C-alpha atoms as a PDB file:
ATOM      1  CA  MET A   1      -0.917  19.210   3.738  1.00  0.00           C
ATOM      2  CA  ASN A   2      -0.536  16.824   6.117  1.00  0.00           C
ATOM      3  CA  VAL A   3      -2.402  14.233   5.175  1.00  0.00           C
ATOM      4  CA  MET A   4      -1.819  11.665   3.723  1.00  0.00           C
ATOM      5  CA  VAL A   5      -2.525   8.274   1.527  1.00  0.00           C
ATOM      6  CA  ILE A   6      -0.818   4.952   0.813  1.00  0.00           C
ATOM      7  CA  PHE A   7      -1.141   3.143  -2.118  1.00  0.00           C
ATOM      8  CA  ASP A   8      -0.647  -0.683  -2.156  1.00  0.00           C
ATOM      9  CA  SER A   9       1.061  -2.223  -5.018  1.00  0.00           C
ATOM     10  CA  SER A  10      -2.034  -2.757  -7.031  1.00  0.00           C
ATOM     11  CA  ILE A  11      -2.468   0.691  -7.765  1.00  0.00           C
ATOM     12  CA  ILE A  12       1.251   1.669  -8.636  1.00  0.00           C
ATOM     13  CA  ILE A  13       1.416  -2.351 -11.104  1.00  0.00           C
ATOM     14  CA  ASP A  14      -1.063  -0.919 -12.742  1.00  0.00           C
ATOM     15  CA  VAL A  15       0.757   2.886 -13.570  1.00  0.00           C
ATOM     16  CA  LEU A  16       3.797   0.687 -14.436  1.00  0.00           C
ATOM     17  CA  ARG A  17       0.929  -0.905 -16.601  1.00  0.00           C
ATOM     18  CA  LYS A  18       0.278   2.415 -18.401  1.00  0.00           C
ATOM     19  CA  LYS A  19      -3.567   1.263 -17.028  1.00  0.00           C
ATOM     20  CA  LYS A  20      -4.787   5.546 -17.116  1.00  0.00           C
ATOM     21  CA  SER A  21      -7.728   4.874 -14.321  1.00  0.00           C
ATOM     22  CA  ALA A  22      -4.785   3.928 -12.128  1.00  0.00           C
ATOM     23  CA  LYS A  23      -2.326   6.811 -12.966  1.00  0.00           C
ATOM     24  CA  ASP A  24      -4.902   9.358 -12.605  1.00  0.00           C
ATOM     25  CA  LEU A  25      -6.283   8.274  -9.187  1.00  0.00           C
ATOM     26  CA  ILE A  26      -2.585   8.724  -8.110  1.00  0.00           C
ATOM     27  CA  GLU A  27      -2.749  12.629  -9.825  1.00  0.00           C
ATOM     28  CA  SER A  28      -6.189  13.279  -8.109  1.00  0.00           C
ATOM     29  CA  TYR A  29      -4.459  12.364  -4.724  1.00  0.00           C
ATOM     30  CA  ALA A  30      -1.152  14.019  -5.575  1.00  0.00           C
ATOM     31  CA  GLU A  31      -3.030  17.283  -5.870  1.00  0.00           C
ATOM     32  CA  LYS A  32      -4.421  17.810  -2.307  1.00  0.00           C
ATOM     33  CA  GLU A  33      -2.284  15.223  -0.281  1.00  0.00           C
ATOM     34  CA  ARG A  34       0.846  13.604   0.316  1.00  0.00           C
ATOM     35  CA  ILE A  35       0.731  10.505  -1.359  1.00  0.00           C
ATOM     36  CA  ALA A  36       2.972   7.379  -0.272  1.00  0.00           C
ATOM     37  CA  ILE A  37       3.227   3.499  -0.728  1.00  0.00           C
ATOM     38  CA  THR A  38       5.161   0.859   2.246  1.00  0.00           C
ATOM     39  CA  VAL A  39       8.258  -0.272   2.177  1.00  0.00           C
ATOM     40  CA  ILE A  40       6.579  -3.410   1.667  1.00  0.00           C
ATOM     41  CA  SER A  41       5.175  -2.703  -1.480  1.00  0.00           C
ATOM     42  CA  LYS A  42       8.040  -0.853  -2.550  1.00  0.00           C
ATOM     43  CA  TYR A  43       9.678  -4.632  -2.138  1.00  0.00           C
ATOM     44  CA  GLU A  44       6.811  -6.298  -4.072  1.00  0.00           C
ATOM     45  CA  ILE A  45       7.087  -3.507  -7.122  1.00  0.00           C
ATOM     46  CA  LEU A  46      10.828  -4.060  -6.855  1.00  0.00           C
ATOM     47  CA  ARG A  47      11.133  -7.953  -6.914  1.00  0.00           C
ATOM     48  CA  GLY A  48       8.774  -7.617 -10.102  1.00  0.00           C
ATOM     49  CA  THR A  49      11.014  -4.915 -12.075  1.00  0.00           C
ATOM     50  CA  THR A  50      13.598  -6.119 -14.906  1.00  0.00           C
ATOM     51  CA  GLU A  51      16.831  -4.926 -15.220  1.00  0.00           C
ATOM     52  CA  LYS A  52      15.335  -2.797 -17.890  1.00  0.00           C
ATOM     53  CA  ASP A  53      12.808  -1.167 -16.258  1.00  0.00           C
ATOM     54  CA  THR A  54      14.868  -0.364 -12.949  1.00  0.00           C
ATOM     55  CA  GLY A  55      15.125   3.215 -14.229  1.00  0.00           C
ATOM     56  CA  LEU A  56      11.521   3.977 -14.801  1.00  0.00           C
ATOM     57  CA  VAL A  57      10.738   2.079 -11.921  1.00  0.00           C
ATOM     58  CA  SER A  58      13.199   3.747  -9.339  1.00  0.00           C
ATOM     59  CA  GLY A  59      11.651   7.055 -11.090  1.00  0.00           C
ATOM     60  CA  LEU A  60       7.649   6.565 -10.537  1.00  0.00           C
ATOM     61  CA  LEU A  61       8.372   5.278  -7.059  1.00  0.00           C
ATOM     62  CA  SER A  62      10.900   8.227  -5.891  1.00  0.00           C
ATOM     63  CA  GLN A  63       7.448  10.975  -6.019  1.00  0.00           C
ATOM     64  CA  PHE A  64       6.446   8.716  -2.955  1.00  0.00           C
ATOM     65  CA  VAL A  65       7.075   9.210   0.346  1.00  0.00           C
ATOM     66  CA  ILE A  66       8.163   6.006   1.817  1.00  0.00           C
ATOM     67  CA  TYR A  67       6.908   3.864   4.979  1.00  0.00           C
ATOM     68  CA  ASP A  68       8.888   1.611   7.103  1.00  0.00           C
ATOM     69  CA  PHE A  69       8.369  -0.591   9.469  1.00  0.00           C
ATOM     70  CA  GLU A  70       8.452   0.211  12.916  1.00  0.00           C
ATOM     71  CA  ASP A  71       7.514  -1.109  16.414  1.00  0.00           C
ATOM     72  CA  SER A  72       4.247   0.227  15.932  1.00  0.00           C
ATOM     73  CA  VAL A  73       3.717  -1.486  12.569  1.00  0.00           C
ATOM     74  CA  VAL A  74       4.891  -4.773  14.841  1.00  0.00           C
ATOM     75  CA  ARG A  75       1.679  -4.332  17.216  1.00  0.00           C
ATOM     76  CA  GLU A  76      -0.912  -3.488  14.635  1.00  0.00           C
ATOM     77  CA  ALA A  77       0.389  -6.378  12.333  1.00  0.00           C
ATOM     78  CA  VAL A  78      -0.240  -8.498  15.137  1.00  0.00           C
ATOM     79  CA  LYS A  79      -3.281  -7.177  16.533  1.00  0.00           C
ATOM     80  CA  ALA A  80      -4.892  -7.786  12.806  1.00  0.00           C
ATOM     81  CA  HIS A  81      -2.886 -11.217  12.229  1.00  0.00           C
ATOM     82  CA  LYS A  82      -5.204 -12.704  15.525  1.00  0.00           C
ATOM     83  CA  LYS A  83      -8.335 -10.563  14.672  1.00  0.00           C
ATOM     84  CA  LEU A  84      -7.721 -12.543  11.030  1.00  0.00           C
ATOM     85  CA  ALA A  85      -7.325 -15.826  12.378  1.00  0.00           C
ATOM     86  CA  GLU A  86     -10.034 -15.729  14.520  1.00  0.00           C
ATOM     87  CA  LYS A  87     -12.355 -15.269  11.811  1.00  0.00           C
ATOM     88  CA  GLY A  88     -10.818 -17.332   9.923  1.00  0.00           C
ATOM     89  CA  LYS A  89     -10.030 -15.123   7.196  1.00  0.00           C
ATOM     90  CA  MET A  90      -6.530 -15.060   7.004  1.00  0.00           C
ATOM     91  CA  VAL A  91      -4.346 -13.171   4.156  1.00  0.00           C
ATOM     92  CA  ASN A  92      -1.276 -13.205   2.618  1.00  0.00           C
ATOM     93  CA  GLU A  93       1.979 -11.982   5.001  1.00  0.00           C
ATOM     94  CA  LEU A  94       2.687  -9.116   3.419  1.00  0.00           C
ATOM     95  CA  ASP A  95      -1.196  -7.776   3.435  1.00  0.00           C
ATOM     96  CA  ILE A  96      -0.730  -7.945   6.909  1.00  0.00           C
ATOM     97  CA  LEU A  97       2.446  -5.785   7.290  1.00  0.00           C
ATOM     98  CA  ILE A  98       0.859  -3.571   4.768  1.00  0.00           C
ATOM     99  CA  ALA A  99      -1.987  -2.846   6.791  1.00  0.00           C
ATOM    100  CA  GLY A 100      -0.323  -2.892   9.875  1.00  0.00           C
ATOM    101  CA  ILE A 101       1.729   0.376   8.528  1.00  0.00           C
ATOM    102  CA  ALA A 102      -1.232   2.141   7.349  1.00  0.00           C
ATOM    103  CA  VAL A 103      -3.014   1.454  10.599  1.00  0.00           C
ATOM    104  CA  ALA A 104      -0.243   2.599  12.784  1.00  0.00           C
ATOM    105  CA  ASN A 105       0.580   5.483  11.142  1.00  0.00           C
ATOM    106  CA  ASN A 106      -3.120   6.510  10.716  1.00  0.00           C
ATOM    107  CA  GLU A 107      -2.978   6.900   7.087  1.00  0.00           C
ATOM    108  CA  MET A 108      -5.942   5.798   4.683  1.00  0.00           C
ATOM    109  CA  LEU A 109      -5.008   2.581   2.409  1.00  0.00           C
ATOM    110  CA  ILE A 110      -5.586   3.026  -0.939  1.00  0.00           C
ATOM    111  CA  THR A 111      -5.953  -1.059  -3.293  1.00  0.00           C
ATOM    112  CA  LYS A 112      -7.641  -3.123  -5.525  1.00  0.00           C
ATOM    113  CA  ASP A 113      -6.918  -6.643  -4.499  1.00  0.00           C
ATOM    114  CA  LYS A 114      -9.983  -7.589  -2.405  1.00  0.00           C
ATOM    115  CA  ASP A 115      -8.045  -9.879   0.224  1.00  0.00           C
ATOM    116  CA  PHE A 116      -7.957  -6.440   2.113  1.00  0.00           C
ATOM    117  CA  LEU A 117     -12.011  -6.660   2.566  1.00  0.00           C
ATOM    118  CA  ASN A 118     -11.215  -9.177   5.430  1.00  0.00           C
ATOM    119  CA  PHE A 119      -9.618  -6.041   7.396  1.00  0.00           C
ATOM    120  CA  GLU A 120     -12.943  -4.004   7.648  1.00  0.00           C
ATOM    121  CA  SER A 121     -11.484  -0.737   8.502  1.00  0.00           C
ATOM    122  CA  ALA A 122     -13.078   2.353   7.293  1.00  0.00           C
ATOM    123  CA  LYS A 123      -9.926   3.381   6.324  1.00  0.00           C
ATOM    124  CA  ILE A 124      -8.945   0.772   3.792  1.00  0.00           C
ATOM    125  CA  ILE A 125     -10.055   1.476   0.658  1.00  0.00           C
ATOM    126  CA  VAL A 126     -10.604  -1.175  -1.723  1.00  0.00           C
ATOM    127  CA  LEU A 127     -11.325  -0.466  -5.492  1.00  0.00           C
END
């Protein structure tokens, strides 16, 4: 089981908001693949967490492999940034870094964030 799928913060936030569809989605992948998030998504989630929810959120995040920011990610993020700029379809810098992590690690990324459609990648699934 070395295939991994990366979930964007938009999916994890829906789980924290008790949306059954997001929980079911993650569980369906967790049954057959390893599940991950990026260190960028971890930051996005934790910065919006209240003090009283920190334990709950940390418990949820502990179920995921955390992909870190490495030099190979920088290369992929720069490529994506230049391509988006050329097309006039620039997106949030954090989204570029998240996509860069997924591409650099050759993993599928699942998100609800429509900005990811601008990346035009078969490995990025926008729900």
